[in-house]
PDB file of N, CA and C in Angstrom:
ATOM      1  N   MET A   1     -33.715 -39.723   8.717  1.00  0.00           N
ATOM      2  CA  MET A   1     -32.949 -38.658   9.534  1.00  0.00           C
ATOM      3  C   MET A   1     -31.789 -38.229   9.678  1.00  0.00           C
ATOM      4  N   ASP A   2     -31.083 -36.984  10.057  1.00  0.00           N
ATOM      5  CA  ASP A   2     -29.697 -36.855  10.141  1.00  0.00           C
ATOM      6  C   ASP A   2     -28.835 -37.181  10.911  1.00  0.00           C
ATOM      7  N   SER A   3     -27.954 -37.358  10.649  1.00  0.00           N
ATOM      8  CA  SER A   3     -26.843 -37.700  11.399  1.00  0.00           C
ATOM      9  C   SER A   3     -26.232 -37.221  12.533  1.00  0.00           C
ATOM     10  N   ARG A   4     -25.386 -37.861  13.462  1.00  0.00           N
ATOM     11  CA  ARG A   4     -25.285 -37.108  14.629  1.00  0.00           C
ATOM     12  C   ARG A   4     -24.603 -35.575  14.073  1.00  0.00           C
ATOM     13  N   GLU A   5     -23.212 -35.537  13.385  1.00  0.00           N
ATOM     14  CA  GLU A   5     -22.882 -34.794  12.717  1.00  0.00           C
ATOM     15  C   GLU A   5     -23.260 -34.101  12.116  1.00  0.00           C
ATOM     16  N   GLU A   6     -24.299 -34.287  11.411  1.00  0.00           N
ATOM     17  CA  GLU A   6     -25.136 -33.123  11.172  1.00  0.00           C
ATOM     18  C   GLU A   6     -25.535 -31.797  11.760  1.00  0.00           C
ATOM     19  N   LEU A   7     -26.660 -32.827  12.783  1.00  0.00           N
ATOM     20  CA  LEU A   7     -27.220 -32.126  13.969  1.00  0.00           C
ATOM     21  C   LEU A   7     -25.652 -31.072  14.502  1.00  0.00           C
ATOM     22  N   LYS A   8     -24.759 -31.807  14.731  1.00  0.00           N
ATOM     23  CA  LYS A   8     -23.544 -30.611  15.396  1.00  0.00           C
ATOM     24  C   LYS A   8     -23.380 -29.687  14.951  1.00  0.00           C
ATOM     25  N   GLN A   9     -23.241 -29.901  13.727  1.00  0.00           N
ATOM     26  CA  GLN A   9     -23.457 -28.714  12.517  1.00  0.00           C
ATOM     27  C   GLN A   9     -24.327 -27.776  12.096  1.00  0.00           C
ATOM     28  N   ARG A  10     -25.681 -28.267  12.701  1.00  0.00           N
ATOM     29  CA  ARG A  10     -26.649 -27.788  12.147  1.00  0.00           C
ATOM     30  C   ARG A  10     -27.016 -26.668  13.518  1.00  0.00           C
ATOM     31  N   GLU A  11     -26.396 -27.275  14.822  1.00  0.00           N
ATOM     32  CA  GLU A  11     -26.588 -26.631  16.264  1.00  0.00           C
ATOM     33  C   GLU A  11     -25.677 -25.147  16.304  1.00  0.00           C
ATOM     34  N   LYS A  12     -24.516 -25.585  15.740  1.00  0.00           N
ATOM     35  CA  LYS A  12     -23.703 -24.345  16.428  1.00  0.00           C
ATOM     36  C   LYS A  12     -22.838 -24.054  15.035  1.00  0.00           C
ATOM     37  N   SER A  13     -22.757 -22.848  14.815  1.00  0.00           N
ATOM     38  CA  SER A  13     -21.411 -21.799  14.458  1.00  0.00           C
ATOM     39  C   SER A  13     -20.592 -20.963  14.520  1.00  0.00           C
ATOM     40  N   GLY A  14     -19.640 -21.066  15.431  1.00  0.00           N
ATOM     41  CA  GLY A  14     -18.692 -20.754  15.623  1.00  0.00           C
ATOM     42  C   GLY A  14     -18.468 -19.496  15.076  1.00  0.00           C
ATOM     43  N   LYS A  15     -18.101 -19.253  13.478  1.00  0.00           N
ATOM     44  CA  LYS A  15     -18.049 -18.031  12.826  1.00  0.00           C
ATOM     45  C   LYS A  15     -19.153 -17.197  12.942  1.00  0.00           C
ATOM     46  N   ALA A  16     -20.278 -17.474  13.639  1.00  0.00           N
ATOM     47  CA  ALA A  16     -21.239 -16.334  13.573  1.00  0.00           C
ATOM     48  C   ALA A  16     -20.874 -15.393  14.813  1.00  0.00           C
ATOM     49  N   ALA A  17     -20.274 -16.301  16.344  1.00  0.00           N
ATOM     50  CA  ALA A  17     -20.111 -15.443  17.552  1.00  0.00           C
ATOM     51  C   ALA A  17     -18.584 -15.278  16.870  1.00  0.00           C
ATOM     52  N   ALA A  18     -17.697 -15.510  16.586  1.00  0.00           N
ATOM     53  CA  ALA A  18     -16.519 -15.234  16.210  1.00  0.00           C
ATOM     54  C   ALA A  18     -16.631 -13.470  15.710  1.00  0.00           C
ATOM     55  N   SER A  19     -17.646 -13.773  14.794  1.00  0.00           N
ATOM     56  CA  SER A  19     -18.053 -12.115  14.443  1.00  0.00           C
ATOM     57  C   SER A  19     -18.426 -11.058  15.065  1.00  0.00           C
ATOM     58  N   LEU A  20     -19.191 -11.526  15.432  1.00  0.00           N
ATOM     59  CA  LEU A  20     -20.082 -10.808  16.713  1.00  0.00           C
ATOM     60  C   LEU A  20     -19.275 -10.281  17.298  1.00  0.00           C
ATOM     61  N   ILE A  21     -17.632 -10.935  18.475  1.00  0.00           N
ATOM     62  CA  ILE A  21     -16.632 -10.974  19.318  1.00  0.00           C
ATOM     63  C   ILE A  21     -16.031  -9.719  18.711  1.00  0.00           C
ATOM     64  N   LEU A  22     -14.994 -10.078  16.642  1.00  0.00           N
ATOM     65  CA  LEU A  22     -14.576  -9.340  15.855  1.00  0.00           C
ATOM     66  C   LEU A  22     -15.564  -7.621  16.037  1.00  0.00           C
ATOM     67  N   GLY A  23     -16.479  -7.772  15.527  1.00  0.00           N
ATOM     68  CA  GLY A  23     -17.263  -6.228  15.343  1.00  0.00           C
ATOM     69  C   GLY A  23     -17.478  -5.505  16.741  1.00  0.00           C
ATOM     70  N   ILE A  24     -18.127  -5.935  17.831  1.00  0.00           N
ATOM     71  CA  ILE A  24     -17.479  -5.346  18.994  1.00  0.00           C
ATOM     72  C   ILE A  24     -16.373  -4.767  19.666  1.00  0.00           C
ATOM     73  N   VAL A  25     -15.601  -5.799  19.479  1.00  0.00           N
ATOM     74  CA  VAL A  25     -14.102  -5.314  19.707  1.00  0.00           C
ATOM     75  C   VAL A  25     -13.729  -4.083  18.656  1.00  0.00           C
ATOM     76  N   SER A  26     -13.962  -4.350  17.247  1.00  0.00           N
ATOM     77  CA  SER A  26     -13.751  -3.637  16.537  1.00  0.00           C
ATOM     78  C   SER A  26     -14.335  -2.146  16.811  1.00  0.00           C
ATOM     79  N   MET A  27     -15.322  -1.844  17.440  1.00  0.00           N
ATOM     80  CA  MET A  27     -16.193  -1.050  17.715  1.00  0.00           C
ATOM     81  C   MET A  27     -15.272  -0.321  19.338  1.00  0.00           C
ATOM     82  N   LEU A  28     -14.849  -1.448  20.046  1.00  0.00           N
ATOM     83  CA  LEU A  28     -13.915  -0.937  21.287  1.00  0.00           C
ATOM     84  C   LEU A  28     -12.871  -0.404  20.812  1.00  0.00           C
ATOM     85  N   THR A  29     -12.055  -0.775  19.340  1.00  0.00           N
ATOM     86  CA  THR A  29     -11.022  -0.025  19.198  1.00  0.00           C
ATOM     87  C   THR A  29     -11.056   0.684  18.208  1.00  0.00           C
ATOM     88  N   SER A  30     -11.886   1.319  18.086  1.00  0.00           N
ATOM     89  CA  SER A  30     -11.993   2.426  16.391  1.00  0.00           C
ATOM     90  C   SER A  30     -11.023   3.282  16.798  1.00  0.00           C
ATOM     91  N   ILE A  31     -10.725   3.775  17.843  1.00  0.00           N
ATOM     92  CA  ILE A  31      -9.819   4.530  18.208  1.00  0.00           C
ATOM     93  C   ILE A  31      -8.301   4.789  17.494  1.00  0.00           C
ATOM     94  N   PHE A  32      -8.057   3.277  17.270  1.00  0.00           N
ATOM     95  CA  PHE A  32      -6.785   2.899  16.781  1.00  0.00           C
ATOM     96  C   PHE A  32      -6.782   2.435  15.661  1.00  0.00           C
ATOM     97  N   ILE A  33      -6.213   3.425  14.713  1.00  0.00           N
ATOM     98  CA  ILE A  33      -6.983   3.228  13.135  1.00  0.00           C
ATOM     99  C   ILE A  33      -7.178   1.945  12.515  1.00  0.00           C
ATOM    100  N   ILE A  34      -5.587   1.585  12.491  1.00  0.00           N
ATOM    101  CA  ILE A  34      -5.082   0.627  11.421  1.00  0.00           C
ATOM    102  C   ILE A  34      -6.252  -0.924  12.198  1.00  0.00           C
ATOM    103  N   VAL A  35      -6.399  -1.050  13.371  1.00  0.00           N
ATOM    104  CA  VAL A  35      -6.693  -1.888  14.358  1.00  0.00           C
ATOM    105  C   VAL A  35      -8.225  -2.097  14.303  1.00  0.00           C
ATOM    106  N   GLY A  36      -9.070  -0.988  14.056  1.00  0.00           N
ATOM    107  CA  GLY A  36     -10.083  -0.474  14.354  1.00  0.00           C
ATOM    108  C   GLY A  36     -10.358  -1.456  12.777  1.00  0.00           C
ATOM    109  N   ILE A  37     -10.388  -0.993  11.590  1.00  0.00           N
ATOM    110  CA  ILE A  37     -10.413  -1.326  10.357  1.00  0.00           C
ATOM    111  C   ILE A  37     -10.425  -2.843   9.896  1.00  0.00           C
ATOM    112  N   LEU A  38      -9.278  -3.313  10.414  1.00  0.00           N
ATOM    113  CA  LEU A  38      -8.727  -4.634  10.037  1.00  0.00           C
ATOM    114  C   LEU A  38      -9.811  -5.518  11.009  1.00  0.00           C
ATOM    115  N   LEU A  39      -9.736  -5.722  12.339  1.00  0.00           N
ATOM    116  CA  LEU A  39     -11.031  -6.283  13.165  1.00  0.00           C
ATOM    117  C   LEU A  39     -12.273  -5.728  12.258  1.00  0.00           C
ATOM    118  N   GLY A  40     -12.618  -4.935  11.594  1.00  0.00           N
ATOM    119  CA  GLY A  40     -13.967  -4.489  11.137  1.00  0.00           C
ATOM    120  C   GLY A  40     -14.375  -5.548  10.212  1.00  0.00           C
ATOM    121  N   LEU A  41     -12.875  -5.493   9.498  1.00  0.00           N
ATOM    122  CA  LEU A  41     -12.937  -6.511   8.141  1.00  0.00           C
ATOM    123  C   LEU A  41     -13.213  -7.462   8.074  1.00  0.00           C
ATOM    124  N   ALA A  42     -12.467  -7.860   9.209  1.00  0.00           N
ATOM    125  CA  ALA A  42     -12.030  -9.348   8.981  1.00  0.00           C
ATOM    126  C   ALA A  42     -13.772  -9.833   9.896  1.00  0.00           C
ATOM    127  N   GLY A  43     -14.473  -9.454  10.803  1.00  0.00           N
ATOM    128  CA  GLY A  43     -15.508  -9.513  11.635  1.00  0.00           C
ATOM    129  C   GLY A  43     -16.983  -9.494  10.316  1.00  0.00           C
ATOM    130  N   LEU A  44     -16.849  -8.738   9.436  1.00  0.00           N
ATOM    131  CA  LEU A  44     -17.691  -8.402   8.404  1.00  0.00           C
ATOM    132  C   LEU A  44     -16.983  -9.737   7.394  1.00  0.00           C
ATOM    133  N   LEU A  45     -16.278 -10.137   6.985  1.00  0.00           N
ATOM    134  CA  LEU A  45     -15.902 -11.146   6.457  1.00  0.00           C
ATOM    135  C   LEU A  45     -16.284 -12.702   6.349  1.00  0.00           C
ATOM    136  N   ILE A  46     -16.202 -12.868   8.129  1.00  0.00           N
ATOM    137  CA  ILE A  46     -16.009 -13.764   8.813  1.00  0.00           C
ATOM    138  C   ILE A  46     -17.863 -14.068   8.958  1.00  0.00           C
ATOM    139  N   GLY A  47     -18.799 -12.964   9.104  1.00  0.00           N
ATOM    140  CA  GLY A  47     -19.866 -12.733   9.472  1.00  0.00           C
ATOM    141  C   GLY A  47     -20.701 -12.968   8.061  1.00  0.00           C
ATOM    142  N   SER A  48     -20.289 -12.875   6.836  1.00  0.00           N
ATOM    143  CA  SER A  48     -20.711 -12.978   5.793  1.00  0.00           C
ATOM    144  C   SER A  48     -20.255 -14.819   5.365  1.00  0.00           C
ATOM    145  N   VAL A  49     -19.551 -15.136   5.369  1.00  0.00           N
ATOM    146  CA  VAL A  49     -19.108 -16.318   5.334  1.00  0.00           C
ATOM    147  C   VAL A  49     -20.243 -17.044   6.516  1.00  0.00           C
ATOM    148  N   ALA A  50     -20.390 -16.649   7.474  1.00  0.00           N
ATOM    149  CA  ALA A  50     -21.307 -17.389   8.811  1.00  0.00           C
ATOM    150  C   ALA A  50     -22.859 -17.405   7.992  1.00  0.00           C
ATOM    151  N   LEU A  51     -23.204 -16.428   7.537  1.00  0.00           N
ATOM    152  CA  LEU A  51     -24.590 -15.949   6.761  1.00  0.00           C
ATOM    153  C   LEU A  51     -24.774 -16.932   6.010  1.00  0.00           C
ATOM    154  N   LEU A  52     -24.169 -17.254   4.915  1.00  0.00           N
ATOM    155  CA  LEU A  52     -24.264 -17.836   3.701  1.00  0.00           C
ATOM    156  C   LEU A  52     -24.468 -19.205   4.467  1.00  0.00           C
ATOM    157  N   GLN A  53     -23.254 -19.527   5.261  1.00  0.00           N
ATOM    158  CA  GLN A  53     -23.641 -21.329   5.745  1.00  0.00           C
ATOM    159  C   GLN A  53     -24.939 -21.438   6.280  1.00  0.00           C
ATOM    160  N   ALA A  54     -25.342 -20.307   7.426  1.00  0.00           N
ATOM    161  CA  ALA A  54     -26.622 -20.781   8.255  1.00  0.00           C
ATOM    162  C   ALA A  54     -27.966 -20.559   6.875  1.00  0.00           C
ATOM    163  N   LYS A  55     -27.629 -19.937   5.916  1.00  0.00           N
ATOM    164  CA  LYS A  55     -28.860 -20.007   5.070  1.00  0.00           C
ATOM    165  C   LYS A  55     -28.604 -21.618   4.400  1.00  0.00           C
ATOM    166  N   ARG A  56     -27.100 -21.965   3.579  1.00  0.00           N
ATOM    167  CA  ARG A  56     -27.542 -23.007   3.245  1.00  0.00           C
ATOM    168  C   ARG A  56     -27.524 -24.508   4.042  1.00  0.00           C
ATOM    169  N   TYR A  57     -27.122 -24.179   5.539  1.00  0.00           N
ATOM    170  CA  TYR A  57     -26.794 -25.699   6.606  1.00  0.00           C
ATOM    171  C   TYR A  57     -27.968 -25.252   7.161  1.00  0.00           C
ATOM    172  N   GLY A  58     -28.530 -24.471   7.553  1.00  0.00           N
ATOM    173  CA  GLY A  58     -29.856 -24.057   8.584  1.00  0.00           C
ATOM    174  C   GLY A  58     -29.124 -24.189   9.817  1.00  0.00           C
ATOM    175  N   HIS A  59     -28.143 -23.552   9.741  1.00  0.00           N
ATOM    176  CA  HIS A  59     -27.458 -23.286  10.913  1.00  0.00           C
ATOM    177  C   HIS A  59     -28.283 -22.590  12.265  1.00  0.00           C
ATOM    178  N   ALA A  60     -28.715 -22.642  13.197  1.00  0.00           N
ATOM    179  CA  ALA A  60     -29.396 -22.076  14.222  1.00  0.00           C
ATOM    180  C   ALA A  60     -28.789 -20.470  14.367  1.00  0.00           C
ATOM    181  N   ARG A  61     -27.636 -20.110  14.230  1.00  0.00           N
ATOM    182  CA  ARG A  61     -27.235 -19.155  14.493  1.00  0.00           C
ATOM    183  C   ARG A  61     -27.167 -17.676  13.679  1.00  0.00           C
ATOM    184  N   LYS A  62     -28.571 -17.398  12.557  1.00  0.00           N
ATOM    185  CA  LYS A  62     -28.279 -16.652  11.642  1.00  0.00           C
ATOM    186  C   LYS A  62     -28.344 -15.405  11.989  1.00  0.00           C
ATOM    187  N   GLY A  63     -28.996 -15.235  13.208  1.00  0.00           N
ATOM    188  CA  GLY A  63     -29.427 -13.628  13.988  1.00  0.00           C
ATOM    189  C   GLY A  63     -27.663 -13.374  14.455  1.00  0.00           C
ATOM    190  N   MET A  64     -26.898 -14.157  14.875  1.00  0.00           N
ATOM    191  CA  MET A  64     -25.866 -13.742  15.313  1.00  0.00           C
ATOM    192  C   MET A  64     -24.576 -13.592  14.348  1.00  0.00           C
ATOM    193  N   ALA A  65     -25.097 -14.055  12.989  1.00  0.00           N
ATOM    194  CA  ALA A  65     -24.009 -13.856  12.174  1.00  0.00           C
ATOM    195  C   ALA A  65     -24.759 -12.190  11.563  1.00  0.00           C
ATOM    196  N   VAL A  66     -26.144 -11.878  11.410  1.00  0.00           N
ATOM    197  CA  VAL A  66     -26.280 -10.490  10.644  1.00  0.00           C
ATOM    198  C   VAL A  66     -26.022  -9.693  11.942  1.00  0.00           C
ATOM    199  N   ALA A  67     -26.024  -9.580  13.331  1.00  0.00           N
ATOM    200  CA  ALA A  67     -25.482  -8.842  14.227  1.00  0.00           C
ATOM    201  C   ALA A  67     -24.480  -8.666  14.439  1.00  0.00           C
ATOM    202  N   GLY A  68     -23.557  -9.569  13.623  1.00  0.00           N
ATOM    203  CA  GLY A  68     -21.774  -8.992  13.686  1.00  0.00           C
ATOM    204  C   GLY A  68     -21.986  -8.561  12.576  1.00  0.00           C
ATOM    205  N   MET A  69     -22.058  -9.006  11.612  1.00  0.00           N
ATOM    206  CA  MET A  69     -22.044  -8.153   9.959  1.00  0.00           C
ATOM    207  C   MET A  69     -22.187  -6.682  10.790  1.00  0.00           C
ATOM    208  N   VAL A  70     -23.521  -6.367  11.289  1.00  0.00           N
ATOM    209  CA  VAL A  70     -24.025  -4.946  11.659  1.00  0.00           C
ATOM    210  C   VAL A  70     -22.858  -4.423  12.439  1.00  0.00           C
ATOM    211  N   THR A  71     -22.101  -5.050  13.488  1.00  0.00           N
ATOM    212  CA  THR A  71     -21.553  -4.299  14.451  1.00  0.00           C
ATOM    213  C   THR A  71     -20.119  -4.177  13.746  1.00  0.00           C
ATOM    214  N   SER A  72     -19.692  -5.141  12.359  1.00  0.00           N
ATOM    215  CA  SER A  72     -18.001  -4.971  12.246  1.00  0.00           C
ATOM    216  C   SER A  72     -18.143  -3.733  11.231  1.00  0.00           C
ATOM    217  N   ILE A  73     -19.885  -3.533  10.650  1.00  0.00           N
ATOM    218  CA  ILE A  73     -20.140  -2.052   9.809  1.00  0.00           C
ATOM    219  C   ILE A  73     -19.923  -0.332  10.621  1.00  0.00           C
ATOM    220  N   ALA A  74     -20.964  -1.227  11.916  1.00  0.00           N
ATOM    221  CA  ALA A  74     -20.760  -0.107  12.895  1.00  0.00           C
ATOM    222  C   ALA A  74     -18.918   0.231  13.127  1.00  0.00           C
ATOM    223  N   GLY A  75     -18.469  -0.306  13.648  1.00  0.00           N
ATOM    224  CA  GLY A  75     -17.131  -0.408  13.727  1.00  0.00           C
ATOM    225  C   GLY A  75     -16.339   0.092  12.924  1.00  0.00           C
ATOM    226  N   ILE A  76     -16.325  -0.107  11.256  1.00  0.00           N
ATOM    227  CA  ILE A  76     -15.735   0.724  10.489  1.00  0.00           C
ATOM    228  C   ILE A  76     -16.438   1.931  10.462  1.00  0.00           C
ATOM    229  N   ALA A  77     -17.275   2.221  10.433  1.00  0.00           N
ATOM    230  CA  ALA A  77     -18.058   3.490  10.415  1.00  0.00           C
ATOM    231  C   ALA A  77     -17.044   4.260  11.315  1.00  0.00           C
ATOM    232  N   LEU A  78     -17.261   4.024  12.925  1.00  0.00           N
ATOM    233  CA  LEU A  78     -16.717   4.695  14.220  1.00  0.00           C
ATOM    234  C   LEU A  78     -15.534   4.854  13.592  1.00  0.00           C
ATOM    235  N   THR A  79     -14.523   3.957  12.889  1.00  0.00           N
ATOM    236  CA  THR A  79     -12.902   3.980  12.672  1.00  0.00           C
ATOM    237  C   THR A  79     -12.791   5.539  11.998  1.00  0.00           C
ATOM    238  N   ILE A  80     -13.564   5.507  10.840  1.00  0.00           N
ATOM    239  CA  ILE A  80     -13.729   6.369   9.616  1.00  0.00           C
ATOM    240  C   ILE A  80     -14.315   7.634   9.933  1.00  0.00           C
ATOM    241  N   PHE A  81     -15.578   7.806  11.145  1.00  0.00           N
ATOM    242  CA  PHE A  81     -15.445   9.069  12.220  1.00  0.00           C
ATOM    243  C   PHE A  81     -14.221   9.322  12.830  1.00  0.00           C
ATOM    244  N   PHE A  82     -13.265   8.860  13.243  1.00  0.00           N
ATOM    245  CA  PHE A  82     -12.392   9.187  14.259  1.00  0.00           C
ATOM    246  C   PHE A  82     -11.103   9.542  13.620  1.00  0.00           C
ATOM    247  N   ILE A  83     -11.142   8.963  11.663  1.00  0.00           N
ATOM    248  CA  ILE A  83     -10.370   9.469  11.294  1.00  0.00           C
ATOM    249  C   ILE A  83     -10.665  10.872  10.818  1.00  0.00           C
ATOM    250  N   SER A  84     -11.669  11.208  10.062  1.00  0.00           N
ATOM    251  CA  SER A  84     -12.202  12.411   9.683  1.00  0.00           C
ATOM    252  C   SER A  84     -11.959  13.576  10.984  1.00  0.00           C
ATOM    253  N   VAL A  85     -12.562  13.411  12.069  1.00  0.00           N
ATOM    254  CA  VAL A  85     -12.018  14.247  12.942  1.00  0.00           C
ATOM    255  C   VAL A  85     -10.884  14.685  13.207  1.00  0.00           C
ATOM    256  N   SER A  86     -10.092  13.680  13.645  1.00  0.00           N
ATOM    257  CA  SER A  86      -8.674  13.800  13.657  1.00  0.00           C
ATOM    258  C   SER A  86      -7.878  14.726  12.666  1.00  0.00           C
ATOM    259  N   PHE A  87      -8.397  14.609  11.486  1.00  0.00           N
ATOM    260  CA  PHE A  87      -7.903  15.080  10.240  1.00  0.00           C
ATOM    261  C   PHE A  87      -8.588  16.355  10.020  1.00  0.00           C
ATOM    262  N   ASP A  88      -9.913  16.787  10.260  1.00  0.00           N
ATOM    263  CA  ASP A  88     -10.321  18.109  10.755  1.00  0.00           C
ATOM    264  C   ASP A  88      -9.765  19.080  11.877  1.00  0.00           C
ATOM    265  N   SER A  89      -9.247  18.349  12.987  1.00  0.00           N
ATOM    266  CA  SER A  89      -8.689  18.993  13.741  1.00  0.00           C
ATOM    267  C   SER A  89      -7.196  19.234  13.922  1.00  0.00           C
ATOM    268  N   PHE A  90      -6.600  18.693  13.030  1.00  0.00           N
ATOM    269  CA  PHE A  90      -5.200  18.324  12.452  1.00  0.00           C
ATOM    270  C   PHE A  90      -4.889  19.891  11.650  1.00  0.00           C
ATOM    271  N   PHE A  91      -5.621  20.258  10.569  1.00  0.00           N
ATOM    272  CA  PHE A  91      -5.527  21.127   9.708  1.00  0.00           C
ATOM    273  C   PHE A  91      -6.380  22.152  10.100  1.00  0.00           C
ATOM    274  N   TRP A  92      -7.233  22.441  11.188  1.00  0.00           N
ATOM    275  CA  TRP A  92      -7.838  24.125  12.213  1.00  0.00           C
ATOM    276  C   TRP A  92      -6.363  23.959  12.765  1.00  0.00           C
TER     277      TRP A  92
END
């Protein structure tokens, strides 16, 4: 049987929730170039760590880790879009 410590660790993964929050905030702040990129990269990094831990230790929040990675990638893509639009309008 599992001990209480292992059950607690298996039930929650704060990294997955942090990744999701960082990804959402990255999408919301993507108009601010540096902030959007940094938050997106941080969310992507934490999400990948959370996904690896979920696979290794059987955490219940594997889907949340994937969602955090997806929103982080979307935030980075949205920031790159805003960069390209701003450069395009600057040179025209």
